[in-house]
Structures are given as C-alpha cells and as structure tokens.
C-alpha cells in the first residue's frame, strides 16, 4: 500500500477538550504521600494481616481480645502478636490492655485514608 493510501485509511480521533481523568491530573500524589501509602499497602500485603483486620472490622462488639484471634487465624499466639504489632505500628489498629489481655479495634480514620485512595 502506498503512502497516500495509508494516510487515507487512517481515522482521525477526536481531540477532547476535557482530560479523561481530571481528578488524577489535578491532584497527583506527592512523593511523601506516595511513600506513606506504599508503607500502608506493604503492611496490608500479608494474608494473615488482611484476615486479622477483617476479623477486627467485622467484630460485632467493634473490638476483639487478642486471645480470640489465635483460633480463627490458625496461627500461634506469638505469630498473631507479631502481625497485630505490625498493624498497630502502622496505626491501622489500636489496643487496650485489660488485665492480662489486650483488646484490639480498628482505627476507622486510618482505614478510611487507605480506602479513599482505592476509590
């Protein structure tokens, strides 16, 4: 096919005045915010921690004793404590010591921050 035939067979696409994704183009992530989100996603990138967070967010009382997390997760108490500590250090959950046990609950504001980015 000659050059003029190729040119005739091309279809011109319309140019839109509005950007296809104005929200993204108007407010891209800053480097600092991207690093913070990457840390949050790294914390959440573990199946045990995702299940643990799911147990906490679906708890009817809004909180769960750490002693009640071992069986549903199928992990040892030290392993559960390790994962709970990672979630707590990230600020996604908080604990309150009562006697010899710690009761954990999610931090809705922190979970909302992560959720907003995914929306």
Protein backbone atom coordinates (compact mmCIF):
# COMPACT_ATOMS: atom_id res chain seq x y z
CA UNK A 1 0.00 0.00 0.00
CA UNK A 2 1.38 3.38 -0.97
CA UNK A 3 1.96 6.21 1.46
CA UNK A 4 -1.07 8.21 0.27
CA UNK A 5 -3.33 5.12 0.63
CA UNK A 6 -2.08 4.60 4.21
CA UNK A 7 -2.78 8.21 5.05
CA UNK A 8 -6.32 7.96 3.63
CA UNK A 9 -7.05 4.77 5.63
CA UNK A 10 -6.15 6.36 8.96
CA UNK A 11 -9.02 7.58 11.05
CA UNK A 12 -8.60 10.81 12.92
CA UNK A 13 -9.59 10.54 16.55
CA UNK A 14 -11.44 13.48 18.04
CA UNK A 15 -9.49 15.65 20.45
CA UNK A 16 -11.34 16.17 23.68
CA UNK A 17 -11.07 19.47 25.49
CA UNK A 18 -11.51 17.84 28.89
CA UNK A 19 -8.91 15.48 30.29
CA UNK A 20 -10.09 11.90 30.69
CA UNK A 21 -9.07 11.81 34.36
CA UNK A 22 -9.17 15.35 35.70
CA UNK A 23 -9.19 14.29 39.35
CA UNK A 24 -5.91 12.43 38.94
CA UNK A 25 -4.34 15.14 36.84
CA UNK A 26 -5.38 17.92 39.20
CA UNK A 27 -4.02 16.32 42.36
CA UNK A 28 -1.29 13.75 41.80
CA UNK A 29 0.24 12.07 44.83
CA UNK A 30 3.13 13.87 46.38
CA UNK A 31 6.26 11.85 46.96
CA UNK A 32 5.65 11.92 50.72
CA UNK A 33 2.03 10.73 50.36
CA UNK A 34 3.07 8.01 47.91
CA UNK A 35 5.68 6.73 50.36
CA UNK A 36 3.14 6.68 53.21
CA UNK A 37 0.59 4.81 51.11
CA UNK A 38 3.26 2.35 49.98
CA UNK A 39 4.04 1.61 53.64
CA UNK A 40 0.34 1.06 54.37
CA UNK A 41 -0.04 -1.26 51.39
CA UNK A 42 3.10 -3.18 52.40
CA UNK A 43 1.53 -3.73 55.83
CA UNK A 44 -1.68 -4.92 54.19
CA UNK A 45 0.11 -7.12 51.65
CA UNK A 46 0.15 -10.10 54.00
CA UNK A 47 -2.74 -12.60 54.06
CA UNK A 48 -2.61 -13.07 57.84
CA UNK A 49 -2.77 -9.33 58.44
CA UNK A 50 -5.64 -8.93 55.96
CA UNK A 51 -7.58 -11.71 57.71
CA UNK A 52 -6.78 -10.22 61.11
CA UNK A 53 -8.00 -6.81 60.02
CA UNK A 54 -11.12 -8.42 58.56
CA UNK A 55 -11.84 -10.12 61.89
CA UNK A 56 -11.45 -6.82 63.73
CA UNK A 57 -13.57 -4.76 61.34
CA UNK A 58 -16.38 -7.33 61.34
CA UNK A 59 -16.45 -7.88 65.12
CA UNK A 60 -19.96 -7.20 66.45
CA UNK A 61 -18.57 -5.51 69.57
CA UNK A 62 -16.14 -3.42 67.50
CA UNK A 63 -13.15 -4.94 69.26
CA UNK A 64 -11.59 -8.36 69.80
CA UNK A 65 -9.41 -9.80 72.52
CA UNK A 66 -6.08 -10.98 71.15
CA UNK A 67 -6.79 -14.35 72.78
CA UNK A 68 -9.77 -14.76 70.41
CA UNK A 69 -7.69 -14.20 67.27
CA UNK A 70 -5.45 -17.26 67.53
CA UNK A 71 -8.00 -19.94 66.62
CA UNK A 72 -9.70 -18.24 63.64
CA UNK A 73 -6.33 -17.34 62.14
CA UNK A 74 -4.89 -20.81 62.71
CA UNK A 75 -1.60 -19.33 63.90
CA UNK A 76 0.29 -19.46 67.16
CA UNK A 77 -0.12 -16.69 69.72
CA UNK A 78 3.40 -15.29 69.06
CA UNK A 79 2.66 -15.15 65.31
CA UNK A 80 -0.65 -13.37 65.89
CA UNK A 81 1.06 -10.92 68.25
CA UNK A 82 3.71 -10.22 65.61
CA UNK A 83 1.09 -9.36 62.98
CA UNK A 84 -1.00 -7.35 65.44
CA UNK A 85 2.09 -5.30 66.30
CA UNK A 86 2.73 -4.51 62.63
CA UNK A 87 -0.87 -3.33 62.15
CA UNK A 88 -0.72 -1.30 65.37
CA UNK A 89 2.64 0.29 64.45
CA UNK A 90 1.05 1.36 61.15
CA UNK A 91 -1.78 2.99 63.11
CA UNK A 92 -4.44 0.80 61.49
CA UNK A 93 -5.50 -0.74 64.81
CA UNK A 94 -5.18 0.20 68.48
CA UNK A 95 -5.10 -1.95 71.57
CA UNK A 96 -6.18 -1.51 75.15
CA UNK A 97 -4.76 -3.69 77.89
CA UNK A 98 -7.36 -5.11 80.27
CA UNK A 99 -5.92 -7.41 82.88
CA UNK A 100 -3.59 -9.81 81.15
CA UNK A 101 -5.19 -9.45 77.69
CA UNK A 102 -5.19 -6.74 75.05
CA UNK A 103 -8.35 -5.84 73.16
CA UNK A 104 -7.86 -4.51 69.63
CA UNK A 105 -10.08 -2.41 67.43
CA UNK A 106 -9.62 -0.83 64.01
CA UNK A 107 -8.90 2.86 63.58
CA UNK A 108 -11.67 3.96 61.20
CA UNK A 109 -9.95 7.19 60.17
CA UNK A 110 -6.78 5.37 59.10
CA UNK A 111 -8.72 2.72 57.20
CA UNK A 112 -10.72 5.47 55.51
CA UNK A 113 -7.47 7.10 54.30
CA UNK A 114 -6.42 3.89 52.56
CA UNK A 115 -9.93 3.31 51.23
CA UNK A 116 -10.12 6.86 49.78
CA UNK A 117 -7.05 6.21 47.68
CA UNK A 118 -8.57 2.99 46.32
CA UNK A 119 -11.82 4.74 45.43
